[in-house]
PDB file of N, CA and C in Angstrom:
ATOM      1  N   UNK A   1    -110.816 -12.283  65.292  1.00  0.00           N
ATOM      2  CA  UNK A   1    -109.967 -11.210  64.781  1.00  0.00           C
ATOM      3  C   UNK A   1    -108.500 -11.636  64.800  1.00  0.00           C
ATOM      4  N   UNK A   2    -108.120 -12.300  65.883  1.00  0.00           N
ATOM      5  CA  UNK A   2    -106.733 -12.741  66.008  1.00  0.00           C
ATOM      6  C   UNK A   2    -106.396 -13.784  64.941  1.00  0.00           C
ATOM      7  N   UNK A   3    -107.351 -14.677  64.665  1.00  0.00           N
ATOM      8  CA  UNK A   3    -107.129 -15.694  63.644  1.00  0.00           C
ATOM      9  C   UNK A   3    -106.973 -15.054  62.267  1.00  0.00           C
ATOM     10  N   UNK A   4    -107.756 -14.015  62.038  1.00  0.00           N
ATOM     11  CA  UNK A   4    -107.668 -13.310  60.763  1.00  0.00           C
ATOM     12  C   UNK A   4    -106.287 -12.671  60.593  1.00  0.00           C
ATOM     13  N   UNK A   5    -105.789 -12.047  61.636  1.00  0.00           N
ATOM     14  CA  UNK A   5    -104.474 -11.405  61.588  1.00  0.00           C
ATOM     15  C   UNK A   5    -103.376 -12.433  61.333  1.00  0.00           C
ATOM     16  N   UNK A   6    -103.484 -13.584  61.983  1.00  0.00           N
ATOM     17  CA  UNK A   6    -102.494 -14.645  61.786  1.00  0.00           C
ATOM     18  C   UNK A   6    -102.564 -15.165  60.346  1.00  0.00           C
ATOM     19  N   UNK A   7    -103.770 -15.339  59.844  1.00  0.00           N
ATOM     20  CA  UNK A   7    -103.947 -15.831  58.483  1.00  0.00           C
ATOM     21  C   UNK A   7    -103.382 -14.829  57.464  1.00  0.00           C
ATOM     22  N   UNK A   8    -103.630 -13.554  57.684  1.00  0.00           N
ATOM     23  CA  UNK A   8    -103.118 -12.532  56.770  1.00  0.00           C
ATOM     24  C   UNK A   8    -101.594 -12.476  56.802  1.00  0.00           C
ATOM     25  N   UNK A   9    -101.019 -12.578  57.984  1.00  0.00           N
ATOM     26  CA  UNK A   9     -99.563 -12.573  58.118  1.00  0.00           C
ATOM     27  C   UNK A   9     -98.968 -13.760  57.372  1.00  0.00           C
ATOM     28  N   UNK A  10     -99.575 -14.924  57.550  1.00  0.00           N
ATOM     29  CA  UNK A  10     -99.106 -16.127  56.874  1.00  0.00           C
ATOM     30  C   UNK A  10     -99.217 -15.966  55.359  1.00  0.00           C
ATOM     31  N   UNK A  11    -100.308 -15.402  54.885  1.00  0.00           N
ATOM     32  CA  UNK A  11    -100.498 -15.199  53.448  1.00  0.00           C
ATOM     33  C   UNK A  11     -99.447 -14.248  52.889  1.00  0.00           C
ATOM     34  N   UNK A  12     -99.144 -13.200  53.624  1.00  0.00           N
ATOM     35  CA  UNK A  12     -98.127 -12.254  53.171  1.00  0.00           C
ATOM     36  C   UNK A  12     -96.747 -12.891  53.117  1.00  0.00           C
ATOM     37  N   UNK A  13     -96.455 -13.713  54.080  1.00  0.00           N
ATOM     38  CA  UNK A  13     -95.158 -14.396  54.094  1.00  0.00           C
ATOM     39  C   UNK A  13     -95.057 -15.332  52.897  1.00  0.00           C
ATOM     40  N   UNK A  14     -96.118 -16.078  52.640  1.00  0.00           N
ATOM     41  CA  UNK A  14     -96.099 -17.002  51.508  1.00  0.00           C
ATOM     42  C   UNK A  14     -96.011 -16.269  50.179  1.00  0.00           C
ATOM     43  N   UNK A  15     -96.682 -15.153  50.068  1.00  0.00           N
ATOM     44  CA  UNK A  15     -96.631 -14.423  48.803  1.00  0.00           C
ATOM     45  C   UNK A  15     -95.231 -13.873  48.544  1.00  0.00           C
ATOM     46  N   UNK A  16     -94.493 -13.593  49.577  1.00  0.00           N
ATOM     47  CA  UNK A  16     -93.128 -13.101  49.420  1.00  0.00           C
ATOM     48  C   UNK A  16     -92.151 -14.189  49.033  1.00  0.00           C
ATOM     49  N   UNK A  17     -92.502 -15.436  49.263  1.00  0.00           N
ATOM     50  CA  UNK A  17     -91.604 -16.549  48.964  1.00  0.00           C
ATOM     51  C   UNK A  17     -91.469 -16.807  47.469  1.00  0.00           C
ATOM     52  N   UNK A  18     -92.482 -16.478  46.724  1.00  0.00           N
ATOM     53  CA  UNK A  18     -92.470 -16.745  45.293  1.00  0.00           C
ATOM     54  C   UNK A  18     -92.363 -15.440  44.524  1.00  0.00           C
ATOM     55  N   UNK A  19     -91.402 -14.621  44.892  1.00  0.00           N
ATOM     56  CA  UNK A  19     -91.301 -13.324  44.248  1.00  0.00           C
ATOM     57  C   UNK A  19     -90.752 -13.480  42.838  1.00  0.00           C
ATOM     58  N   UNK A  20     -91.474 -12.927  41.910  1.00  0.00           N
ATOM     59  CA  UNK A  20     -91.085 -12.939  40.514  1.00  0.00           C
ATOM     60  C   UNK A  20     -90.241 -11.705  40.231  1.00  0.00           C
ATOM     61  N   UNK A  21     -89.303 -11.796  39.305  1.00  0.00           N
ATOM     62  CA  UNK A  21     -88.527 -10.606  38.963  1.00  0.00           C
ATOM     63  C   UNK A  21     -89.426  -9.544  38.342  1.00  0.00           C
ATOM     64  N   UNK A  22     -89.083  -8.301  38.578  1.00  0.00           N
ATOM     65  CA  UNK A  22     -89.851  -7.186  38.029  1.00  0.00           C
ATOM     66  C   UNK A  22     -88.933  -6.292  37.208  1.00  0.00           C
ATOM     67  N   UNK A  23     -89.540  -5.444  36.414  1.00  0.00           N
ATOM     68  CA  UNK A  23     -88.777  -4.537  35.564  1.00  0.00           C
ATOM     69  C   UNK A  23     -88.331  -3.336  36.381  1.00  0.00           C
ATOM     70  N   UNK A  24     -87.054  -3.049  36.290  1.00  0.00           N
ATOM     71  CA  UNK A  24     -86.427  -1.924  36.989  1.00  0.00           C
ATOM     72  C   UNK A  24     -86.011  -0.906  35.938  1.00  0.00           C
ATOM     73  N   UNK A  25     -86.636   0.266  35.972  1.00  0.00           N
ATOM     74  CA  UNK A  25     -86.327   1.281  34.962  1.00  0.00           C
ATOM     75  C   UNK A  25     -85.490   2.421  35.527  1.00  0.00           C
ATOM     76  N   UNK A  26     -84.781   2.172  36.616  1.00  0.00           N
ATOM     77  CA  UNK A  26     -84.001   3.230  37.251  1.00  0.00           C
ATOM     78  C   UNK A  26     -82.826   3.701  36.380  1.00  0.00           C
ATOM     79  N   UNK A  27     -82.363   2.847  35.482  1.00  0.00           N
ATOM     80  CA  UNK A  27     -81.328   3.236  34.526  1.00  0.00           C
ATOM     81  C   UNK A  27     -81.523   2.412  33.256  1.00  0.00           C
ATOM     82  N   UNK A  28     -80.883   2.853  32.201  1.00  0.00           N
ATOM     83  CA  UNK A  28     -80.991   2.141  30.928  1.00  0.00           C
ATOM     84  C   UNK A  28     -80.467   0.706  31.057  1.00  0.00           C
ATOM     85  N   UNK A  29     -79.325   0.554  31.717  1.00  0.00           N
ATOM     86  CA  UNK A  29     -78.727  -0.777  31.884  1.00  0.00           C
ATOM     87  C   UNK A  29     -79.613  -1.686  32.725  1.00  0.00           C
ATOM     88  N   UNK A  30     -80.124  -1.172  33.836  1.00  0.00           N
ATOM     89  CA  UNK A  30     -80.970  -2.004  34.698  1.00  0.00           C
ATOM     90  C   UNK A  30     -82.273  -2.360  33.999  1.00  0.00           C
ATOM     91  N   UNK A  31     -82.776  -1.457  33.168  1.00  0.00           N
ATOM     92  CA  UNK A  31     -84.006  -1.751  32.438  1.00  0.00           C
ATOM     93  C   UNK A  31     -83.784  -2.897  31.456  1.00  0.00           C
ATOM     94  N   UNK A  32     -82.706  -2.826  30.687  1.00  0.00           N
ATOM     95  CA  UNK A  32     -82.417  -3.893  29.723  1.00  0.00           C
ATOM     96  C   UNK A  32     -82.211  -5.227  30.426  1.00  0.00           C
ATOM     97  N   UNK A  33     -81.440  -5.197  31.496  1.00  0.00           N
ATOM     98  CA  UNK A  33     -81.162  -6.428  32.242  1.00  0.00           C
ATOM     99  C   UNK A  33     -82.428  -7.010  32.853  1.00  0.00           C
ATOM    100  N   UNK A  34     -83.231  -6.160  33.473  1.00  0.00           N
ATOM    101  CA  UNK A  34     -84.425  -6.669  34.154  1.00  0.00           C
ATOM    102  C   UNK A  34     -85.478  -7.142  33.158  1.00  0.00           C
ATOM    103  N   UNK A  35     -85.589  -6.490  32.006  1.00  0.00           N
ATOM    104  CA  UNK A  35     -86.527  -6.958  30.981  1.00  0.00           C
ATOM    105  C   UNK A  35     -86.147  -8.370  30.556  1.00  0.00           C
ATOM    106  N   UNK A  36     -84.857  -8.624  30.399  1.00  0.00           N
ATOM    107  CA  UNK A  36     -84.395  -9.961  30.021  1.00  0.00           C
ATOM    108  C   UNK A  36     -84.635 -10.970  31.146  1.00  0.00           C
ATOM    109  N   UNK A  37     -84.371 -10.575  32.387  1.00  0.00           N
ATOM    110  CA  UNK A  37     -84.594 -11.486  33.514  1.00  0.00           C
ATOM    111  C   UNK A  37     -86.071 -11.845  33.657  1.00  0.00           C
ATOM    112  N   UNK A  38     -86.924 -10.860  33.481  1.00  0.00           N
ATOM    113  CA  UNK A  38     -88.366 -11.119  33.557  1.00  0.00           C
ATOM    114  C   UNK A  38     -88.762 -12.080  32.448  1.00  0.00           C
ATOM    115  N   UNK A  39     -88.242 -11.862  31.253  1.00  0.00           N
ATOM    116  CA  UNK A  39     -88.544 -12.748  30.127  1.00  0.00           C
ATOM    117  C   UNK A  39     -88.113 -14.180  30.431  1.00  0.00           C
ATOM    118  N   UNK A  40     -86.904 -14.331  30.954  1.00  0.00           N
ATOM    119  CA  UNK A  40     -86.376 -15.663  31.256  1.00  0.00           C
ATOM    120  C   UNK A  40     -87.130 -16.351  32.388  1.00  0.00           C
ATOM    121  N   UNK A  41     -87.806 -15.573  33.236  1.00  0.00           N
ATOM    122  CA  UNK A  41     -88.558 -16.173  34.343  1.00  0.00           C
ATOM    123  C   UNK A  41     -89.882 -16.774  33.878  1.00  0.00           C
ATOM    124  N   UNK A  42     -90.304 -16.420  32.684  1.00  0.00           N
ATOM    125  CA  UNK A  42     -91.565 -16.930  32.147  1.00  0.00           C
ATOM    126  C   UNK A  42     -91.369 -18.289  31.500  1.00  0.00           C
ATOM    127  N   UNK A  43     -92.424 -19.103  31.481  1.00  0.00           N
ATOM    128  CA  UNK A  43     -92.335 -20.358  30.731  1.00  0.00           C
ATOM    129  C   UNK A  43     -92.109 -20.043  29.247  1.00  0.00           C
ATOM    130  N   UNK A  44     -91.441 -20.932  28.570  1.00  0.00           N
ATOM    131  CA  UNK A  44     -91.128 -20.745  27.151  1.00  0.00           C
ATOM    132  C   UNK A  44     -92.370 -20.376  26.338  1.00  0.00           C
ATOM    133  N   UNK A  45     -93.497 -20.958  26.664  1.00  0.00           N
ATOM    134  CA  UNK A  45     -94.737 -20.729  25.914  1.00  0.00           C
ATOM    135  C   UNK A  45     -95.264 -19.301  26.051  1.00  0.00           C
ATOM    136  N   UNK A  46     -94.851 -18.584  27.074  1.00  0.00           N
ATOM    137  CA  UNK A  46     -95.355 -17.225  27.290  1.00  0.00           C
ATOM    138  C   UNK A  46     -94.373 -16.139  26.855  1.00  0.00           C
ATOM    139  N   UNK A  47     -93.203 -16.516  26.446  1.00  0.00           N
ATOM    140  CA  UNK A  47     -92.186 -15.514  26.114  1.00  0.00           C
ATOM    141  C   UNK A  47     -92.546 -14.684  24.882  1.00  0.00           C
ATOM    142  N   UNK A  48     -93.139 -15.312  23.880  1.00  0.00           N
ATOM    143  CA  UNK A  48     -93.552 -14.552  22.693  1.00  0.00           C
ATOM    144  C   UNK A  48     -94.654 -13.560  23.056  1.00  0.00           C
ATOM    145  N   UNK A  49     -95.568 -13.966  23.917  1.00  0.00           N
ATOM    146  CA  UNK A  49     -96.642 -13.074  24.364  1.00  0.00           C
ATOM    147  C   UNK A  49     -96.064 -11.902  25.152  1.00  0.00           C
ATOM    148  N   UNK A  50     -95.041 -12.167  25.939  1.00  0.00           N
ATOM    149  CA  UNK A  50     -94.364 -11.116  26.710  1.00  0.00           C
ATOM    150  C   UNK A  50     -93.689 -10.114  25.773  1.00  0.00           C
ATOM    151  N   UNK A  51     -92.968 -10.627  24.774  1.00  0.00           N
ATOM    152  CA  UNK A  51     -92.293  -9.755  23.815  1.00  0.00           C
ATOM    153  C   UNK A  51     -93.306  -8.862  23.102  1.00  0.00           C
ATOM    154  N   UNK A  52     -94.407  -9.465  22.675  1.00  0.00           N
ATOM    155  CA  UNK A  52     -95.463  -8.719  22.000  1.00  0.00           C
ATOM    156  C   UNK A  52     -96.094  -7.696  22.950  1.00  0.00           C
ATOM    157  N   UNK A  53     -96.289  -8.089  24.200  1.00  0.00           N
ATOM    158  CA  UNK A  53     -96.892  -7.200  25.187  1.00  0.00           C
ATOM    159  C   UNK A  53     -96.024  -5.978  25.439  1.00  0.00           C
ATOM    160  N   UNK A  54     -94.719  -6.165  25.491  1.00  0.00           N
ATOM    161  CA  UNK A  54     -93.816  -5.025  25.663  1.00  0.00           C
ATOM    162  C   UNK A  54     -93.993  -4.018  24.531  1.00  0.00           C
ATOM    163  N   UNK A  55     -94.093  -4.513  23.314  1.00  0.00           N
ATOM    164  CA  UNK A  55     -94.274  -3.622  22.165  1.00  0.00           C
ATOM    165  C   UNK A  55     -95.603  -2.877  22.257  1.00  0.00           C
ATOM    166  N   UNK A  56     -96.647  -3.581  22.629  1.00  0.00           N
ATOM    167  CA  UNK A  56     -97.966  -2.957  22.743  1.00  0.00           C
ATOM    168  C   UNK A  56     -97.931  -1.834  23.778  1.00  0.00           C
ATOM    169  N   UNK A  57     -97.323  -2.109  24.923  1.00  0.00           N
ATOM    170  CA  UNK A  57     -97.280  -1.115  25.996  1.00  0.00           C
ATOM    171  C   UNK A  57     -96.464   0.103  25.587  1.00  0.00           C
ATOM    172  N   UNK A  58     -95.290  -0.128  25.042  1.00  0.00           N
ATOM    173  CA  UNK A  58     -94.416   0.986  24.657  1.00  0.00           C
ATOM    174  C   UNK A  58     -95.067   1.812  23.546  1.00  0.00           C
ATOM    175  N   UNK A  59     -95.608   1.154  22.550  1.00  0.00           N
ATOM    176  CA  UNK A  59     -96.206   1.874  21.429  1.00  0.00           C
ATOM    177  C   UNK A  59     -97.524   2.538  21.793  1.00  0.00           C
ATOM    178  N   UNK A  60     -98.185   2.061  22.833  1.00  0.00           N
ATOM    179  CA  UNK A  60     -99.461   2.655  23.233  1.00  0.00           C
ATOM    180  C   UNK A  60     -99.293   4.078  23.741  1.00  0.00           C
ATOM    181  N   UNK A  61     -98.098   4.423  24.173  1.00  0.00           N
ATOM    182  CA  UNK A  61     -97.818   5.756  24.709  1.00  0.00           C
ATOM    183  C   UNK A  61     -97.372   6.748  23.647  1.00  0.00           C
ATOM    184  N   UNK A  62     -97.142   6.267  22.444  1.00  0.00           N
ATOM    185  CA  UNK A  62     -96.652   7.153  21.389  1.00  0.00           C
ATOM    186  C   UNK A  62     -97.810   7.714  20.580  1.00  0.00           C
ATOM    187  N   UNK A  63     -97.732   8.985  20.292  1.00  0.00           N
ATOM    188  CA  UNK A  63     -98.656   9.590  19.348  1.00  0.00           C
ATOM    189  C   UNK A  63     -97.863  10.580  18.498  1.00  0.00           C
ATOM    190  N   UNK A  64     -98.426  10.947  17.384  1.00  0.00           N
ATOM    191  CA  UNK A  64     -97.710  11.782  16.433  1.00  0.00           C
ATOM    192  C   UNK A  64     -97.317  13.128  17.029  1.00  0.00           C
ATOM    193  N   UNK A  65     -98.202  13.728  17.790  1.00  0.00           N
ATOM    194  CA  UNK A  65     -97.919  15.039  18.385  1.00  0.00           C
ATOM    195  C   UNK A  65     -96.689  14.971  19.293  1.00  0.00           C
ATOM    196  N   UNK A  66     -96.665  13.971  20.176  1.00  0.00           N
ATOM    197  CA  UNK A  66     -95.525  13.826  21.088  1.00  0.00           C
ATOM    198  C   UNK A  66     -94.227  13.543  20.340  1.00  0.00           C
ATOM    199  N   UNK A  67     -94.316  12.723  19.304  1.00  0.00           N
ATOM    200  CA  UNK A  67     -93.124  12.405  18.514  1.00  0.00           C
ATOM    201  C   UNK A  67     -92.585  13.639  17.806  1.00  0.00           C
ATOM    202  N   UNK A  68     -93.480  14.421  17.250  1.00  0.00           N
ATOM    203  CA  UNK A  68     -93.053  15.647  16.556  1.00  0.00           C
ATOM    204  C   UNK A  68     -92.433  16.627  17.542  1.00  0.00           C
ATOM    205  N   UNK A  69     -93.052  16.766  18.701  1.00  0.00           N
ATOM    206  CA  UNK A  69     -92.549  17.688  19.710  1.00  0.00           C
ATOM    207  C   UNK A  69     -91.176  17.241  20.217  1.00  0.00           C
ATOM    208  N   UNK A  70     -91.031  15.951  20.464  1.00  0.00           N
ATOM    209  CA  UNK A  70     -89.746  15.432  20.933  1.00  0.00           C
ATOM    210  C   UNK A  70     -88.667  15.616  19.871  1.00  0.00           C
ATOM    211  N   UNK A  71     -89.033  15.420  18.601  1.00  0.00           N
ATOM    212  CA  UNK A  71     -88.077  15.599  17.519  1.00  0.00           C
ATOM    213  C   UNK A  71     -87.673  17.058  17.359  1.00  0.00           C
ATOM    214  N   UNK A  72     -88.634  17.946  17.501  1.00  0.00           N
ATOM    215  CA  UNK A  72     -88.340  19.374  17.359  1.00  0.00           C
ATOM    216  C   UNK A  72     -87.446  19.870  18.489  1.00  0.00           C
ATOM    217  N   UNK A  73     -87.682  19.363  19.686  1.00  0.00           N
ATOM    218  CA  UNK A  73     -86.896  19.774  20.852  1.00  0.00           C
ATOM    219  C   UNK A  73     -85.630  18.948  21.025  1.00  0.00           C
ATOM    220  N   UNK A  74     -85.505  17.896  20.238  1.00  0.00           N
ATOM    221  CA  UNK A  74     -84.422  16.929  20.384  1.00  0.00           C
ATOM    222  C   UNK A  74     -84.318  16.448  21.827  1.00  0.00           C
ATOM    223  N   UNK A  75     -85.487  16.163  22.394  1.00  0.00           N
ATOM    224  CA  UNK A  75     -85.555  15.718  23.783  1.00  0.00           C
ATOM    225  C   UNK A  75     -86.627  14.640  23.895  1.00  0.00           C
ATOM    226  N   UNK A  76     -86.193  13.413  24.085  1.00  0.00           N
ATOM    227  CA  UNK A  76     -87.137  12.301  24.193  1.00  0.00           C
ATOM    228  C   UNK A  76     -87.382  11.889  25.643  1.00  0.00           C
ATOM    229  N   UNK A  77     -86.864  12.644  26.591  1.00  0.00           N
ATOM    230  CA  UNK A  77     -86.966  12.273  28.007  1.00  0.00           C
ATOM    231  C   UNK A  77     -88.412  12.094  28.460  1.00  0.00           C
ATOM    232  N   UNK A  78     -89.290  12.984  28.017  1.00  0.00           N
ATOM    233  CA  UNK A  78     -90.687  12.895  28.443  1.00  0.00           C
ATOM    234  C   UNK A  78     -91.347  11.618  27.915  1.00  0.00           C
ATOM    235  N   UNK A  79     -91.064  11.283  26.661  1.00  0.00           N
ATOM    236  CA  UNK A  79     -91.603  10.045  26.098  1.00  0.00           C
ATOM    237  C   UNK A  79     -91.058   8.828  26.833  1.00  0.00           C
ATOM    238  N   UNK A  80     -89.777   8.848  27.119  1.00  0.00           N
ATOM    239  CA  UNK A  80     -89.156   7.733  27.824  1.00  0.00           C
ATOM    240  C   UNK A  80     -89.769   7.548  29.212  1.00  0.00           C
ATOM    241  N   UNK A  81     -90.024   8.637  29.899  1.00  0.00           N
ATOM    242  CA  UNK A  81     -90.609   8.552  31.240  1.00  0.00           C
ATOM    243  C   UNK A  81     -92.009   7.960  31.201  1.00  0.00           C
ATOM    244  N   UNK A  82     -92.791   8.316  30.194  1.00  0.00           N
ATOM    245  CA  UNK A  82     -94.133   7.747  30.049  1.00  0.00           C
ATOM    246  C   UNK A  82     -94.041   6.234  29.873  1.00  0.00           C
ATOM    247  N   UNK A  83     -93.146   5.805  28.989  1.00  0.00           N
ATOM    248  CA  UNK A  83     -93.005   4.381  28.710  1.00  0.00           C
ATOM    249  C   UNK A  83     -92.483   3.631  29.939  1.00  0.00           C
ATOM    250  N   UNK A  84     -91.499   4.212  30.596  1.00  0.00           N
ATOM    251  CA  UNK A  84     -90.927   3.569  31.781  1.00  0.00           C
ATOM    252  C   UNK A  84     -91.974   3.448  32.881  1.00  0.00           C
ATOM    253  N   UNK A  85     -92.811   4.443  33.021  1.00  0.00           N
ATOM    254  CA  UNK A  85     -93.842   4.422  34.050  1.00  0.00           C
ATOM    255  C   UNK A  85     -94.795   3.257  33.901  1.00  0.00           C
ATOM    256  N   UNK A  86     -95.042   2.860  32.665  1.00  0.00           N
ATOM    257  CA  UNK A  86     -95.936   1.725  32.417  1.00  0.00           C
ATOM    258  C   UNK A  86     -95.273   0.380  32.671  1.00  0.00           C
ATOM    259  N   UNK A  87     -93.952   0.354  32.707  1.00  0.00           N
ATOM    260  CA  UNK A  87     -93.227  -0.910  32.872  1.00  0.00           C
ATOM    261  C   UNK A  87     -92.697  -1.128  34.294  1.00  0.00           C
ATOM    262  N   UNK A  88     -92.402  -0.052  34.989  1.00  0.00           N
ATOM    263  CA  UNK A  88     -91.738  -0.115  36.291  1.00  0.00           C
ATOM    264  C   UNK A  88     -92.454  -1.027  37.283  1.00  0.00           C
ATOM    265  N   UNK A  89     -91.691  -1.960  37.838  1.00  0.00           N
ATOM    266  CA  UNK A  89     -92.191  -2.812  38.912  1.00  0.00           C
ATOM    267  C   UNK A  89     -93.115  -3.939  38.497  1.00  0.00           C
ATOM    268  N   UNK A  90     -93.332  -4.124  37.217  1.00  0.00           N
ATOM    269  CA  UNK A  90     -94.254  -5.170  36.756  1.00  0.00           C
ATOM    270  C   UNK A  90     -93.515  -6.481  36.493  1.00  0.00           C
ATOM    271  N   UNK A  91     -94.211  -7.568  36.776  1.00  0.00           N
ATOM    272  CA  UNK A  91     -93.714  -8.906  36.460  1.00  0.00           C
ATOM    273  C   UNK A  91     -94.092  -9.237  35.019  1.00  0.00           C
ATOM    274  N   UNK A  92     -93.629 -10.352  34.534  1.00  0.00           N
ATOM    275  CA  UNK A  92     -93.985 -10.776  33.184  1.00  0.00           C
ATOM    276  C   UNK A  92     -95.484 -10.961  33.008  1.00  0.00           C
ATOM    277  N   UNK A  93     -96.108 -11.592  33.977  1.00  0.00           N
ATOM    278  CA  UNK A  93     -97.561 -11.812  33.911  1.00  0.00           C
ATOM    279  C   UNK A  93     -98.308 -10.484  33.925  1.00  0.00           C
ATOM    280  N   UNK A  94     -97.831  -9.541  34.719  1.00  0.00           N
ATOM    281  CA  UNK A  94     -98.474  -8.225  34.780  1.00  0.00           C
ATOM    282  C   UNK A  94     -98.312  -7.464  33.474  1.00  0.00           C
ATOM    283  N   UNK A  95     -97.164  -7.613  32.829  1.00  0.00           N
ATOM    284  CA  UNK A  95     -96.934  -6.979  31.533  1.00  0.00           C
ATOM    285  C   UNK A  95     -97.917  -7.528  30.504  1.00  0.00           C
ATOM    286  N   UNK A  96     -98.061  -8.837  30.468  1.00  0.00           N
ATOM    287  CA  UNK A  96     -98.981  -9.473  29.518  1.00  0.00           C
ATOM    288  C   UNK A  96    -100.418  -9.032  29.793  1.00  0.00           C
ATOM    289  N   UNK A  97    -100.814  -9.006  31.054  1.00  0.00           N
ATOM    290  CA  UNK A  97    -102.174  -8.598  31.422  1.00  0.00           C
ATOM    291  C   UNK A  97    -102.426  -7.130  31.077  1.00  0.00           C
ATOM    292  N   UNK A  98    -101.449  -6.275  31.312  1.00  0.00           N
ATOM    293  CA  UNK A  98    -101.598  -4.858  31.010  1.00  0.00           C
ATOM    294  C   UNK A  98    -101.745  -4.638  29.507  1.00  0.00           C
ATOM    295  N   UNK A  99    -100.983  -5.356  28.712  1.00  0.00           N
ATOM    296  CA  UNK A  99    -101.102  -5.242  27.250  1.00  0.00           C
ATOM    297  C   UNK A  99    -102.478  -5.717  26.794  1.00  0.00           C
ATOM    298  N   UNK A 100    -102.990  -6.775  27.407  1.00  0.00           N
ATOM    299  CA  UNK A 100    -104.338  -7.253  27.072  1.00  0.00           C
ATOM    300  C   UNK A 100    -105.380  -6.180  27.389  1.00  0.00           C
ATOM    301  N   UNK A 101    -105.196  -5.496  28.500  1.00  0.00           N
ATOM    302  CA  UNK A 101    -106.107  -4.415  28.880  1.00  0.00           C
ATOM    303  C   UNK A 101    -106.061  -3.292  27.834  1.00  0.00           C
ATOM    304  N   UNK A 102    -104.866  -2.939  27.387  1.00  0.00           N
ATOM    305  CA  UNK A 102    -104.713  -1.895  26.364  1.00  0.00           C
ATOM    306  C   UNK A 102    -105.415  -2.321  25.079  1.00  0.00           C
ATOM    307  N   UNK A 103    -105.230  -3.569  24.678  1.00  0.00           N
ATOM    308  CA  UNK A 103    -105.872  -4.063  23.457  1.00  0.00           C
ATOM    309  C   UNK A 103    -107.395  -3.991  23.566  1.00  0.00           C
ATOM    310  N   UNK A 104    -107.923  -4.391  24.719  1.00  0.00           N
ATOM    311  CA  UNK A 104    -109.379  -4.360  24.918  1.00  0.00           C
ATOM    312  C   UNK A 104    -109.898  -2.927  24.882  1.00  0.00           C
ATOM    313  N   UNK A 105    -109.164  -2.003  25.476  1.00  0.00           N
ATOM    314  CA  UNK A 105    -109.573  -0.589  25.457  1.00  0.00           C
ATOM    315  C   UNK A 105    -109.571  -0.046  24.034  1.00  0.00           C
ATOM    316  N   UNK A 106    -108.579  -0.424  23.255  1.00  0.00           N
ATOM    317  CA  UNK A 106    -108.510   0.028  21.862  1.00  0.00           C
ATOM    318  C   UNK A 106    -109.662  -0.548  21.049  1.00  0.00           C
ATOM    319  N   UNK A 107    -109.977  -1.824  21.280  1.00  0.00           N
ATOM    320  CA  UNK A 107    -111.056  -2.457  20.559  1.00  0.00           C
ATOM    321  C   UNK A 107    -112.405  -1.834  20.874  1.00  0.00           C
ATOM    322  N   UNK A 108    -112.555  -1.340  22.094  1.00  0.00           N
ATOM    323  CA  UNK A 108    -113.817  -0.732  22.514  1.00  0.00           C
ATOM    324  C   UNK A 108    -114.009   0.670  21.931  1.00  0.00           C
ATOM    325  N   UNK A 109    -112.928   1.290  21.468  1.00  0.00           N
ATOM    326  CA  UNK A 109    -113.039   2.659  20.935  1.00  0.00           C
ATOM    327  C   UNK A 109    -113.599   2.709  19.562  1.00  0.00           C
TER     328      UNK A 109
END
């Protein structure tokens, strides 16, 4: 049991050493900055996939009813919160994986 605890502690320490930047949606400025930082942290070969994944995630939350309602109320806050919720705290790899999951779910429908 003691060896397991030591091994887990060591694993947690190592996982913290390679922390990747994540998306911060606490404000508009921090969101834009962090999206760019996350993009720059990815290898060049994955940046196009990341850009595409962001579009898939953001657009996956939009539907005609919500758009019409937001336009009628002139209030897009609810739509923005939905989109931000899907991005908050994710790394570039997580964004790409989440978009792949959305695509697979759509294909299955």
